[in-house]
Protein backbone atom coordinates (compact mmCIF):
# COMPACT_ATOMS: atom_id res chain seq x y z
CA UNK A 1 52.25 72.27 100.66
CA UNK A 2 51.52 74.57 97.73
CA UNK A 3 54.18 72.76 95.71
CA UNK A 4 52.58 69.43 96.60
CA UNK A 5 49.16 70.69 95.53
CA UNK A 6 50.62 72.01 92.30
CA UNK A 7 52.10 68.59 91.52
CA UNK A 8 48.86 66.85 92.41
CA UNK A 9 46.88 69.19 90.17
CA UNK A 10 49.29 68.73 87.30
CA UNK A 11 48.83 64.97 87.55
CA UNK A 12 45.08 64.85 88.14
CA UNK A 13 43.28 67.86 86.68
CA UNK A 14 44.58 68.23 83.18
CA UNK A 15 45.18 64.67 82.00
CA UNK A 16 42.75 63.21 79.50
CA UNK A 17 42.25 59.98 81.47
CA UNK A 18 41.92 58.93 85.12
CA UNK A 19 45.40 57.55 85.61
CA UNK A 20 46.61 60.77 87.24
CA UNK A 21 43.91 60.81 89.91
CA UNK A 22 45.61 58.14 92.02
CA UNK A 23 48.93 59.95 91.73
CA UNK A 24 47.43 63.28 92.73
CA UNK A 25 45.45 61.82 95.62
CA UNK A 26 48.50 59.95 96.89
CA UNK A 27 50.54 63.14 96.92
CA UNK A 28 47.88 64.99 98.91
CA UNK A 29 47.25 62.19 101.43
CA UNK A 30 50.84 61.04 101.93
CA UNK A 31 51.65 63.18 104.98
CA UNK A 32 49.02 62.85 107.76
CA UNK A 33 50.53 65.77 109.65
CA UNK A 34 49.92 68.13 106.77
CA UNK A 35 46.38 67.03 105.85
CA UNK A 36 45.02 70.19 107.48
CA UNK A 37 47.19 72.36 105.24
CA UNK A 38 46.18 70.30 102.22
CA UNK A 39 42.49 70.69 103.04
CA UNK A 40 42.84 74.44 103.44
CA UNK A 41 44.74 74.79 100.15
CA UNK A 42 42.27 72.61 98.25
CA UNK A 43 39.37 74.63 99.64
CA UNK A 44 41.00 77.90 98.56
CA UNK A 45 41.81 76.58 95.08
CA UNK A 46 38.28 75.22 94.70
CA UNK A 47 36.78 78.57 95.60
CA UNK A 48 38.95 80.18 92.94
CA UNK A 49 37.78 77.70 90.32
CA UNK A 50 34.18 78.40 91.28
CA UNK A 51 34.68 82.12 90.82
CA UNK A 52 35.97 81.39 87.31
CA UNK A 53 32.86 79.28 86.71
CA UNK A 54 30.58 82.15 87.79
CA UNK A 55 32.41 84.47 85.38
CA UNK A 56 31.83 81.92 82.60
CA UNK A 57 28.07 82.05 83.18
CA UNK A 58 27.50 79.20 85.63
CA UNK A 59 25.51 79.43 88.87
CA UNK A 60 25.53 77.17 91.95
CA UNK A 61 22.43 75.19 90.95
CA UNK A 62 23.93 74.51 87.51
CA UNK A 63 27.19 73.21 88.96
CA UNK A 64 25.40 71.02 91.51
CA UNK A 65 23.18 69.60 88.77
CA UNK A 66 26.22 68.63 86.73
CA UNK A 67 28.00 67.12 89.73
CA UNK A 68 24.87 65.11 90.54
CA UNK A 69 24.80 63.79 86.99
CA UNK A 70 28.48 62.91 86.61
CA UNK A 71 29.68 62.10 90.14
CA UNK A 72 28.27 60.86 93.46
CA UNK A 73 26.62 62.07 96.67
CA UNK A 74 29.93 62.73 98.41
CA UNK A 75 30.98 64.99 95.54
CA UNK A 76 27.71 66.94 95.83
CA UNK A 77 28.40 67.61 99.51
CA UNK A 78 31.98 68.70 98.78
CA UNK A 79 30.78 71.00 96.00
CA UNK A 80 28.33 72.53 98.48
CA UNK A 81 31.25 73.20 100.82
CA UNK A 82 33.17 74.97 98.07
CA UNK A 83 30.12 77.07 97.19
CA UNK A 84 29.65 78.04 100.85
CA UNK A 85 33.31 78.95 101.20
CA UNK A 86 33.29 81.08 98.07
CA UNK A 87 30.03 82.82 98.99
CA UNK A 88 31.40 84.17 102.29
CA UNK A 89 33.68 86.52 100.34
CA UNK A 90 30.76 88.83 99.57
CA UNK A 91 28.72 91.14 101.72
CA UNK A 92 25.69 90.45 99.55
CA UNK A 93 24.77 87.70 97.09
CA UNK A 94 22.45 87.83 94.07
CA UNK A 95 18.93 86.82 94.92
CA UNK A 96 18.50 83.05 95.21
CA UNK A 97 22.21 82.39 94.74
CA UNK A 98 22.78 79.77 97.46
CA UNK A 99 21.77 78.81 100.97
CA UNK A 100 24.94 76.77 101.60
CA UNK A 101 26.75 77.69 104.83
CA UNK A 102 30.27 77.21 106.17
CA UNK A 103 30.03 74.53 108.87
CA UNK A 104 33.67 73.60 109.56
CA UNK A 105 35.01 76.84 111.06
CA UNK A 106 34.07 80.23 112.41
CA UNK A 107 35.68 81.78 109.32
CA UNK A 108 39.03 82.59 110.88
CA UNK A 109 40.91 79.51 109.67
CA UNK A 110 40.09 76.72 107.22
CA UNK A 111 42.77 74.36 108.52
CA UNK A 112 40.04 72.37 110.29
CA UNK A 113 38.26 71.54 107.05
CA UNK A 114 40.25 68.41 106.15
CA UNK A 115 39.81 66.64 109.49
CA UNK A 116 36.17 67.64 109.90
CA UNK A 117 35.48 66.52 106.34
CA UNK A 118 37.01 63.13 107.18
CA UNK A 119 34.72 62.82 110.21
CA UNK A 120 31.63 63.85 108.26
CA UNK A 121 32.30 61.50 105.37
CA UNK A 122 33.74 58.68 107.52
CA UNK A 123 36.43 58.22 104.89
CA UNK A 124 40.22 58.03 104.66
CA UNK A 125 42.41 60.84 103.35
CA UNK A 126 43.11 59.15 100.02
CA UNK A 127 39.39 58.72 99.23
CA UNK A 128 38.65 62.32 100.19
CA UNK A 129 41.57 63.68 98.16
CA UNK A 130 40.32 61.69 95.16
CA UNK A 131 36.80 63.09 95.54
CA UNK A 132 38.09 66.65 95.91
CA UNK A 133 40.25 66.31 92.80
CA UNK A 134 37.32 64.88 90.83
CA UNK A 135 35.19 67.89 91.75
CA UNK A 136 37.96 70.34 90.89
CA UNK A 137 38.61 68.57 87.58
CA UNK A 138 34.96 69.02 86.66
CA UNK A 139 35.13 72.72 87.56
CA UNK A 140 38.22 73.51 85.49
CA UNK A 141 36.66 71.84 82.46
CA UNK A 142 33.43 73.87 82.49
CA UNK A 143 32.93 75.79 79.23
CA UNK A 144 31.45 79.26 78.96
CA UNK A 145 27.66 79.44 78.76
CA UNK A 146 25.15 82.29 78.44
CA UNK A 147 25.00 84.27 81.72
CA UNK A 148 21.54 84.68 83.21
CA UNK A 149 22.33 87.25 85.88
CA UNK A 150 25.05 89.14 87.75
CA UNK A 151 27.81 87.34 89.61
CA UNK A 152 28.46 87.92 93.33
CA UNK A 153 30.20 91.19 93.97
CA UNK A 154 28.88 92.81 90.81
CA UNK A 155 27.53 96.29 91.65
CA UNK A 156 24.85 95.76 88.99
CA UNK A 157 23.24 93.14 91.23
CA UNK A 158 22.32 95.79 93.79
CA UNK A 159 20.79 98.05 91.13
CA UNK A 160 18.39 95.40 89.79
CA UNK A 161 14.77 95.69 90.81
CA UNK A 162 12.55 92.65 90.40
CA UNK A 163 8.76 92.72 90.48
CA UNK A 164 7.92 89.39 92.05
CA UNK A 165 4.49 87.89 92.34
CA UNK A 166 2.88 89.52 95.38
CA UNK A 167 3.55 87.22 98.39
CA UNK A 168 -0.09 86.68 99.28
CA UNK A 169 -0.99 85.81 95.70
CA UNK A 170 2.09 83.61 95.42
CA UNK A 171 0.95 81.75 98.52
CA UNK A 172 -2.47 81.19 96.98
CA UNK A 173 -0.97 79.90 93.74
CA UNK A 174 1.31 77.50 95.57
CA UNK A 175 -1.54 76.25 97.73
CA UNK A 176 -3.74 75.61 94.70
CA UNK A 177 -1.01 73.71 92.87
CA UNK A 178 -0.15 71.69 95.97
CA UNK A 179 -3.77 70.60 96.26
CA UNK A 180 -3.86 69.76 92.56
CA UNK A 181 -0.82 67.54 92.99
CA UNK A 182 -2.21 65.82 96.07
CA UNK A 183 -5.71 64.96 94.87
CA UNK A 184 -6.51 61.67 93.13
CA UNK A 185 -9.61 63.16 91.48
CA UNK A 186 -8.83 64.50 87.97
CA UNK A 187 -11.73 66.96 87.96
CA UNK A 188 -10.52 68.55 91.22
CA UNK A 189 -6.94 68.80 89.96
CA UNK A 190 -8.27 70.38 86.77
CA UNK A 191 -10.20 73.06 88.64
CA UNK A 192 -7.33 73.85 91.03
CA UNK A 193 -4.73 74.13 88.26
CA UNK A 194 -7.06 76.27 86.18
CA UNK A 195 -7.52 78.69 89.06
CA UNK A 196 -3.75 78.90 89.60
CA UNK A 197 -3.16 79.68 85.93
CA UNK A 198 -5.88 82.30 86.02
CA UNK A 199 -4.16 84.08 88.91
CA UNK A 200 -0.84 83.97 87.07
CA UNK A 201 -2.35 85.41 83.88
CA UNK A 202 -4.10 88.21 85.76
CA UNK A 203 -0.86 89.19 87.47
CA UNK A 204 0.97 89.38 84.13
CA UNK A 205 -1.69 91.66 82.66
CA UNK A 206 -1.75 93.89 85.74
CA UNK A 207 2.03 94.19 85.74
CA UNK A 208 2.13 95.02 82.01
CA UNK A 209 -0.49 97.75 82.47
CA UNK A 210 1.38 99.27 85.41
CA UNK A 211 4.60 99.38 83.41
CA UNK A 212 2.84 100.93 80.40
CA UNK A 213 1.33 103.64 82.58
CA UNK A 214 4.65 104.48 84.20
CA UNK A 215 3.33 103.71 87.67
CA UNK A 216 5.23 100.44 88.08
CA UNK A 217 8.97 99.94 88.59
CA UNK A 218 11.15 100.03 85.49
CA UNK A 219 11.98 96.46 84.54
CA UNK A 220 13.92 94.51 81.99
CA UNK A 221 13.47 90.85 81.08
CA UNK A 222 15.70 88.45 82.93
CA UNK A 223 16.44 84.76 82.67
CA UNK A 224 16.69 81.68 84.85
CA UNK A 225 17.74 78.11 84.31
CA UNK A 226 15.39 75.25 85.05
CA UNK A 227 16.68 71.71 85.22
CA UNK A 228 15.46 69.31 82.51
CA UNK A 229 16.92 66.02 83.62
CA UNK A 230 16.55 62.37 82.55
CA UNK A 231 14.59 60.26 82.23
CA UNK A 232 12.33 61.46 79.39
CA UNK A 233 14.06 64.83 79.21
CA UNK A 234 12.75 65.56 75.72
CA UNK A 235 9.14 65.42 76.90
CA UNK A 236 10.02 67.56 79.92
CA UNK A 237 11.68 70.15 77.67
CA UNK A 238 8.61 70.23 75.41
CA UNK A 239 6.36 70.76 78.43
CA UNK A 240 8.57 73.54 79.79
CA UNK A 241 8.57 75.27 76.40
CA UNK A 242 4.76 75.14 76.32
CA UNK A 243 4.43 76.55 79.85
CA UNK A 244 6.98 79.29 79.07
CA UNK A 245 5.21 80.32 75.87
CA UNK A 246 1.83 80.46 77.58
CA UNK A 247 3.27 82.75 80.25
CA UNK A 248 4.89 85.12 77.73
CA UNK A 249 8.40 83.73 78.13
CA UNK A 250 10.81 81.91 75.83
CA UNK A 251 12.68 78.70 76.64
CA UNK A 252 15.90 77.40 75.06
CA UNK A 253 16.90 73.82 75.90
CA UNK A 254 20.53 72.82 76.48
CA UNK A 255 20.42 69.03 76.29
CA UNK A 256 24.15 68.61 76.98
CA UNK A 257 23.93 70.21 80.43
CA UNK A 258 20.34 69.20 81.25
CA UNK A 259 18.69 72.58 81.67
CA UNK A 260 16.55 75.06 79.78
CA UNK A 261 17.12 78.79 79.96
CA UNK A 262 13.81 80.62 80.26
CA UNK A 263 13.77 84.31 79.34
CA UNK A 264 11.04 86.62 80.63
CA UNK A 265 10.02 89.09 83.30
CA UNK A 266 10.70 87.98 86.85
CA UNK A 267 7.13 87.32 87.95
CA UNK A 268 6.45 85.35 84.77
CA UNK A 269 9.57 83.29 85.36
CA UNK A 270 8.30 82.46 88.84
CA UNK A 271 4.98 81.39 87.35
CA UNK A 272 6.67 79.21 84.73
CA UNK A 273 8.78 77.38 87.28
CA UNK A 274 5.85 76.80 89.62
CA UNK A 275 3.49 75.58 86.92
CA UNK A 276 6.04 73.40 85.13
CA UNK A 277 6.99 71.67 88.38
CA UNK A 278 3.35 71.08 89.27
CA UNK A 279 2.41 69.73 85.84
CA UNK A 280 5.36 67.33 85.96
CA UNK A 281 4.16 66.03 89.33
CA UNK A 282 0.62 65.67 88.02
CA UNK A 283 1.86 64.00 84.82
CA UNK A 284 3.99 61.47 86.70
CA UNK A 285 1.10 60.65 89.00
CA UNK A 286 -1.23 60.20 86.03
CA UNK A 287 1.36 58.01 84.32
CA UNK A 288 1.63 55.79 87.40
CA UNK A 289 -2.14 55.32 87.46
CA UNK A 290 -2.20 54.58 83.72
CA UNK A 291 0.56 52.01 84.13
CA UNK A 292 -1.39 50.33 86.92
CA UNK A 293 -4.38 50.05 84.61
CA UNK A 294 -2.14 48.60 81.88
CA UNK A 295 -0.71 46.01 84.26
CA UNK A 296 -4.15 45.01 85.45
CA UNK A 297 -4.90 44.22 81.82
CA UNK A 298 -1.89 41.92 81.63
CA UNK A 299 0.66 44.30 80.10
CA UNK A 300 4.08 44.79 81.66
CA UNK A 301 5.42 48.24 82.45
CA UNK A 302 7.67 49.47 79.63
CA UNK A 303 9.93 52.42 78.94
CA UNK A 304 8.26 53.03 75.58
CA UNK A 305 4.89 53.38 77.29
CA UNK A 306 6.22 55.99 79.72
CA UNK A 307 8.07 57.95 77.04
CA UNK A 308 5.03 57.97 74.74
CA UNK A 309 2.77 58.94 77.64
CA UNK A 310 4.87 61.97 78.65
CA UNK A 311 5.42 63.12 75.07
CA UNK A 312 1.67 63.03 74.45
CA UNK A 313 1.03 64.76 77.78
CA UNK A 314 3.50 67.55 76.91
CA UNK A 315 2.26 67.90 73.33
CA UNK A 316 -1.40 68.04 74.31
CA UNK A 317 -0.79 70.53 77.11
CA UNK A 318 1.14 72.70 74.66
CA UNK A 319 -1.97 72.93 72.49
CA UNK A 320 -4.19 73.67 75.45
CA UNK A 321 -1.89 76.23 77.03
CA UNK A 322 -1.61 78.07 73.71
CA UNK A 323 -5.40 78.20 73.50
CA UNK A 324 -5.64 79.48 77.07
CA UNK A 325 -3.03 82.19 76.46
CA UNK A 326 -4.88 83.40 73.37
CA UNK A 327 -8.19 83.46 75.20
CA UNK A 328 -6.77 85.40 78.16
CA UNK A 329 -5.23 88.04 75.90
CA UNK A 330 -8.43 88.49 73.89
CA UNK A 331 -10.67 89.02 76.94
CA UNK A 332 -9.62 92.68 77.17
CA UNK A 333 -8.45 94.01 73.76
CA UNK A 334 -7.36 97.32 75.30
CA UNK A 335 -4.63 95.46 77.19
CA UNK A 336 -3.03 94.06 74.05
CA UNK A 337 -0.63 96.98 73.36
CA UNK A 338 0.92 96.68 76.82
CA UNK A 339 1.29 92.92 76.39
CA UNK A 340 2.84 93.36 72.95
CA UNK A 341 5.48 95.70 74.40
CA UNK A 342 6.25 93.06 76.99
CA UNK A 343 6.47 90.31 74.36
CA UNK A 344 8.82 92.37 72.15
CA UNK A 345 11.14 93.01 75.09
CA UNK A 346 11.29 89.30 75.93
CA UNK A 347 11.90 88.27 72.32
CA UNK A 348 14.67 90.84 71.92
CA UNK A 349 16.36 89.67 75.10
CA UNK A 350 16.13 86.01 74.06
CA UNK A 351 17.53 86.75 70.60
CA UNK A 352 20.38 88.69 72.17
CA UNK A 353 21.25 85.81 74.50
CA UNK A 354 20.81 83.09 71.87
CA UNK A 355 21.54 84.48 68.40
CA UNK A 356 22.01 80.96 67.06
CA UNK A 357 19.69 78.12 68.05
CA UNK A 358 18.96 74.80 66.41
CA UNK A 359 15.90 72.58 66.29
CA UNK A 360 15.88 69.09 67.78
CA UNK A 361 14.18 66.09 66.26
CA UNK A 362 12.34 64.25 69.02
CA UNK A 363 12.47 60.50 69.27
CA UNK A 364 9.14 59.11 68.15
CA UNK A 365 6.36 58.03 70.47
CA UNK A 366 5.99 54.40 69.50
CA UNK A 367 3.52 53.16 72.10
CA UNK A 368 -0.08 53.83 71.03
CA UNK A 369 -1.56 53.11 74.46
CA UNK A 370 0.94 55.43 76.13
CA UNK A 371 0.12 58.22 73.68
CA UNK A 372 -3.62 57.85 74.18
CA UNK A 373 -3.33 57.76 77.99
CA UNK A 374 -0.96 60.76 78.00
CA UNK A 375 -3.34 62.76 75.82
CA UNK A 376 -6.23 61.96 78.13
CA UNK A 377 -4.19 62.98 81.16
CA UNK A 378 -3.36 66.33 79.54
CA UNK A 379 -7.05 66.90 78.85
CA UNK A 380 -7.75 66.39 82.55
CA UNK A 381 -4.98 68.84 83.54
CA UNK A 382 -6.84 71.74 81.92
CA UNK A 383 -5.12 75.06 82.47
CA UNK A 384 -7.88 77.52 81.57
CA UNK A 385 -11.30 77.79 83.14
CA UNK A 386 -14.41 77.64 81.05
CA UNK A 387 -12.96 76.04 77.91
CA UNK A 388 -14.02 72.86 76.18
CA UNK A 389 -11.33 70.34 75.23
CA UNK A 390 -9.62 70.79 71.89
CA UNK A 391 -10.62 68.26 69.22
CA UNK A 392 -8.35 65.24 69.04
């Protein structure tokens, strides 16, 4: 069977077009009696390709995001199986690595995978072999990217110490943002989001002071990837950059693979991801309401309106978040040295990871009504308490 798999891979994985996929799938599915062996061998090879992907800087969420973009739901499920199979090799995984679990066996033998996969997917062997080969072809073609953390099995993973947002405070922040997303009253959403941002900013200052005094755990800046996916990915990347900057982090957008890498201290990274997700939810809800108002006035829903709305929303919030960050830092001048040390560490880490970056020219916002409505929505999503809106 290994020879058969080798021939199938030679036909399907390394050709520049899709003509070899049928040949490879036919080879794998030709003998019903050996489908179990084929499934076991494909699973083992896939796990090996995943390990190579981890060593090239990829993580499970990144791979799944790419599979979701380029392939279909069945391929996502198969990729999850490969991730689960690979993860069982290790006694301990890096924090947040994956929650995928092996479901087809007790771990003693993977020969059951092929038949159980066929039952789960309700598909024939040829279709499943094609899907498996398509996933593996994607994996072998992954380039190297900047690593954002240790890979499974790396002893350095056990030595890392992360200072997360304290669980009770994290629960309060999440509850505030959930209420802000759920309400249909802009003033209430404004107040709830402002309170959440205030808690985040206070935690950052407290953590910086503890580190400066030597009473907190020794930390280094880390990084995490946050998906920035279509539609309107440029506006989403602008918003993420604004949220990252306000929370003393730096974001670098990779448009080709639909993510941004955010560099910062762990608790700040948690805050960035929470706030960015919440502001996207609030922005989409505000855009839906603005579109309804436009339609009631006789205008049809358009892509240019939505793009202009979200670009204005992101741009305006960037201004407001920058103002809020400056105000928070200036409230207690004695805290500035500790915050500066933190900022220098983050900047150095980001420059080390990304010594060469380029700027991106955004596509213009061409819909005046969308821009005006997006700006107004950003004004309502105020992130700092006690501040008047910036002049238009």
